Amino acid sequence: MNKILATLIAALFAAGAYAQAPAAAPAKPAPAVAATPAMPAASAPMAKAKPAAMTAEEKAAAKAAKKEKAAAAKKAKADAAAAKKAEAAAKKAEASAKKS
C-alpha cells in the first residue's frame, strides 16, 4: 500500500511539473544561404529594436492592476493573520478544556 501511495504522489508531482513547463518552441528551419557574402558587422551597425511605448490607457490599466494586486496581497495577509489568531485561540480553549 505504501508503494502504491508513493507512486501516486510521485505521479502527481511529475504531472504538476509537466503542466507548469513552458511549451517547447517549434523547430525553426535553417536560414537560406545568401548568394553574396554578408557585409562585415563593423561597416553596418545594426539598430537595436526598442520596445513599443505604452499608451496612457495601458499605463492606467497597469497601475490599476498593480493596485488590485497589492490590495489582494494585503487582504490575503490579513486573512492569514486572522486565521492564525483563530487557530491559536482554538488551541488555547482546547488546552483549557482539557485541564478542566
C-alpha atoms as a PDB file:
ATOM      1  CA  MET A   1       0.000   0.000   0.000  1.00  0.00           C
ATOM      2  CA  ASN A   2       2.854   2.386   0.838  1.00  0.00           C
ATOM      3  CA  LYS A   3       4.485   1.755  -2.540  1.00  0.00           C
ATOM      4  CA  ILE A   4       1.244   2.500  -4.357  1.00  0.00           C
ATOM      5  CA  LEU A   5       0.746   5.697  -2.377  1.00  0.00           C
ATOM      6  CA  ALA A   6       4.344   6.771  -3.035  1.00  0.00           C
ATOM      7  CA  THR A   7       3.891   6.091  -6.763  1.00  0.00           C
ATOM      8  CA  LEU A   8       0.681   8.122  -6.873  1.00  0.00           C
ATOM      9  CA  ILE A   9       2.308  11.063  -5.070  1.00  0.00           C
ATOM     10  CA  ALA A  10       5.326  10.923  -7.397  1.00  0.00           C
ATOM     11  CA  ALA A  11       2.993  10.875 -10.400  1.00  0.00           C
ATOM     12  CA  LEU A  12       1.148  13.894  -9.006  1.00  0.00           C
ATOM     13  CA  PHE A  13       4.376  15.868  -8.683  1.00  0.00           C
ATOM     14  CA  ALA A  14       5.501  14.806 -12.155  1.00  0.00           C
ATOM     15  CA  ALA A  15       2.176  15.857 -13.668  1.00  0.00           C
ATOM     16  CA  GLY A  16       2.385  19.214 -11.909  1.00  0.00           C
ATOM     17  CA  ALA A  17       5.897  19.825 -13.169  1.00  0.00           C
ATOM     18  CA  TYR A  18       4.855  18.827 -16.677  1.00  0.00           C
ATOM     19  CA  ALA A  19       1.850  21.146 -16.583  1.00  0.00           C
ATOM     20  CA  GLN A  20       3.952  24.116 -15.457  1.00  0.00           C
ATOM     21  CA  ALA A  21       6.694  23.612 -18.043  1.00  0.00           C
ATOM     22  CA  PRO A  22       6.546  26.090 -20.917  1.00  0.00           C
ATOM     23  CA  ALA A  23       5.556  24.747 -24.290  1.00  0.00           C
ATOM     24  CA  ALA A  24       8.521  23.818 -26.456  1.00  0.00           C
ATOM     25  CA  ALA A  25       9.161  26.198 -29.319  1.00  0.00           C
ATOM     26  CA  PRO A  26       8.627  24.671 -32.751  1.00  0.00           C
ATOM     27  CA  ALA A  27      11.763  23.828 -34.662  1.00  0.00           C
ATOM     28  CA  LYS A  28      12.871  26.650 -36.953  1.00  0.00           C
ATOM     29  CA  PRO A  29      14.144  25.804 -40.429  1.00  0.00           C
ATOM     30  CA  ALA A  30      17.755  26.603 -41.213  1.00  0.00           C
ATOM     31  CA  PRO A  31      18.207  30.042 -42.789  1.00  0.00           C
ATOM     32  CA  ALA A  32      18.812  30.117 -46.509  1.00  0.00           C
ATOM     33  CA  VAL A  33      22.393  30.770 -47.573  1.00  0.00           C
ATOM     34  CA  ALA A  34      22.766  34.052 -49.454  1.00  0.00           C
ATOM     35  CA  ALA A  35      24.494  34.030 -52.830  1.00  0.00           C
ATOM     36  CA  THR A  36      26.507  37.129 -51.960  1.00  0.00           C
ATOM     37  CA  PRO A  37      28.803  37.294 -48.945  1.00  0.00           C
ATOM     38  CA  ALA A  38      27.465  39.090 -45.887  1.00  0.00           C
ATOM     39  CA  MET A  39      28.729  42.554 -45.052  1.00  0.00           C
ATOM     40  CA  PRO A  40      31.059  42.778 -42.062  1.00  0.00           C
ATOM     41  CA  ALA A  41      29.402  43.865 -38.830  1.00  0.00           C
ATOM     42  CA  ALA A  42      31.781  46.793 -38.334  1.00  0.00           C
ATOM     43  CA  SER A  43      30.721  48.564 -41.538  1.00  0.00           C
ATOM     44  CA  ALA A  44      26.954  48.127 -40.991  1.00  0.00           C
ATOM     45  CA  PRO A  45      25.928  48.507 -37.323  1.00  0.00           C
ATOM     46  CA  MET A  46      22.524  47.012 -36.517  1.00  0.00           C
ATOM     47  CA  ALA A  47      19.940  49.212 -34.852  1.00  0.00           C
ATOM     48  CA  LYS A  48      18.545  47.766 -31.647  1.00  0.00           C
ATOM     49  CA  ALA A  49      14.799  47.238 -31.514  1.00  0.00           C
ATOM     50  CA  LYS A  50      13.054  49.460 -28.988  1.00  0.00           C
ATOM     51  CA  PRO A  51      10.017  48.241 -27.093  1.00  0.00           C
ATOM     52  CA  ALA A  52       6.766  49.931 -28.035  1.00  0.00           C
ATOM     53  CA  ALA A  53       5.837  52.864 -25.806  1.00  0.00           C
ATOM     54  CA  MET A  54       2.847  52.326 -23.537  1.00  0.00           C
ATOM     55  CA  THR A  55      -0.234  54.403 -24.174  1.00  0.00           C
ATOM     56  CA  ALA A  56      -1.929  56.362 -21.400  1.00  0.00           C
ATOM     57  CA  GLU A  57      -4.711  53.772 -21.263  1.00  0.00           C
ATOM     58  CA  GLU A  58      -2.215  50.926 -20.908  1.00  0.00           C
ATOM     59  CA  LYS A  59      -0.378  52.803 -18.153  1.00  0.00           C
ATOM     60  CA  ALA A  60      -3.647  53.417 -16.303  1.00  0.00           C
ATOM     61  CA  ALA A  61      -4.629  49.757 -16.677  1.00  0.00           C
ATOM     62  CA  ALA A  62      -1.225  48.629 -15.413  1.00  0.00           C
ATOM     63  CA  LYS A  63      -1.479  50.995 -12.448  1.00  0.00           C
ATOM     64  CA  ALA A  64      -4.971  49.717 -11.602  1.00  0.00           C
ATOM     65  CA  ALA A  65      -3.818  46.109 -11.889  1.00  0.00           C
ATOM     66  CA  LYS A  66      -0.891  46.855  -9.587  1.00  0.00           C
ATOM     67  CA  LYS A  67      -3.248  48.414  -7.023  1.00  0.00           C
ATOM     68  CA  GLU A  68      -5.597  45.438  -7.219  1.00  0.00           C
ATOM     69  CA  LYS A  69      -2.706  43.038  -6.760  1.00  0.00           C
ATOM     70  CA  ALA A  70      -1.426  44.971  -3.738  1.00  0.00           C
ATOM     71  CA  ALA A  71      -4.921  45.055  -2.222  1.00  0.00           C
ATOM     72  CA  ALA A  72      -5.339  41.325  -2.771  1.00  0.00           C
ATOM     73  CA  ALA A  73      -1.958  40.641  -1.151  1.00  0.00           C
ATOM     74  CA  LYS A  74      -2.862  42.854   1.804  1.00  0.00           C
ATOM     75  CA  LYS A  75      -6.210  41.081   2.209  1.00  0.00           C
ATOM     76  CA  ALA A  76      -4.569  37.663   1.996  1.00  0.00           C
ATOM     77  CA  LYS A  77      -2.038  38.678   4.640  1.00  0.00           C
ATOM     78  CA  ALA A  78      -4.808  39.954   6.920  1.00  0.00           C
ATOM     79  CA  ASP A  79      -6.844  36.780   6.397  1.00  0.00           C
ATOM     80  CA  ALA A  80      -3.811  34.651   7.213  1.00  0.00           C
ATOM     81  CA  ALA A  81      -3.182  36.636  10.391  1.00  0.00           C
ATOM     82  CA  ALA A  82      -6.833  36.306  11.418  1.00  0.00           C
ATOM     83  CA  ALA A  83      -6.765  32.578  10.752  1.00  0.00           C
ATOM     84  CA  LYS A  84      -3.588  32.239  12.796  1.00  0.00           C
ATOM     85  CA  LYS A  85      -5.182  34.127  15.697  1.00  0.00           C
ATOM     86  CA  ALA A  86      -8.309  31.998  15.492  1.00  0.00           C
ATOM     87  CA  GLU A  87      -6.223  28.827  15.468  1.00  0.00           C
ATOM     88  CA  ALA A  88      -4.224  29.983  18.486  1.00  0.00           C
ATOM     89  CA  ALA A  89      -7.437  30.853  20.340  1.00  0.00           C
ATOM     90  CA  ALA A  90      -8.916  27.447  19.491  1.00  0.00           C
ATOM     91  CA  LYS A  91      -5.791  25.688  20.760  1.00  0.00           C
ATOM     92  CA  LYS A  92      -5.848  27.748  23.929  1.00  0.00           C
ATOM     93  CA  ALA A  93      -9.530  26.941  24.504  1.00  0.00           C
ATOM     94  CA  GLU A  94      -8.890  23.265  23.835  1.00  0.00           C
ATOM     95  CA  ALA A  95      -5.981  23.242  26.292  1.00  0.00           C
ATOM     96  CA  SER A  96      -8.052  24.912  28.987  1.00  0.00           C
ATOM     97  CA  ALA A  97     -10.908  22.471  28.327  1.00  0.00           C
ATOM     98  CA  LYS A  98      -8.540  19.535  28.814  1.00  0.00           C
ATOM     99  CA  LYS A  99      -7.376  20.975  32.147  1.00  0.00           C
ATOM    100  CA  SER A 100     -10.941  21.293  33.426  1.00  0.00           C
END
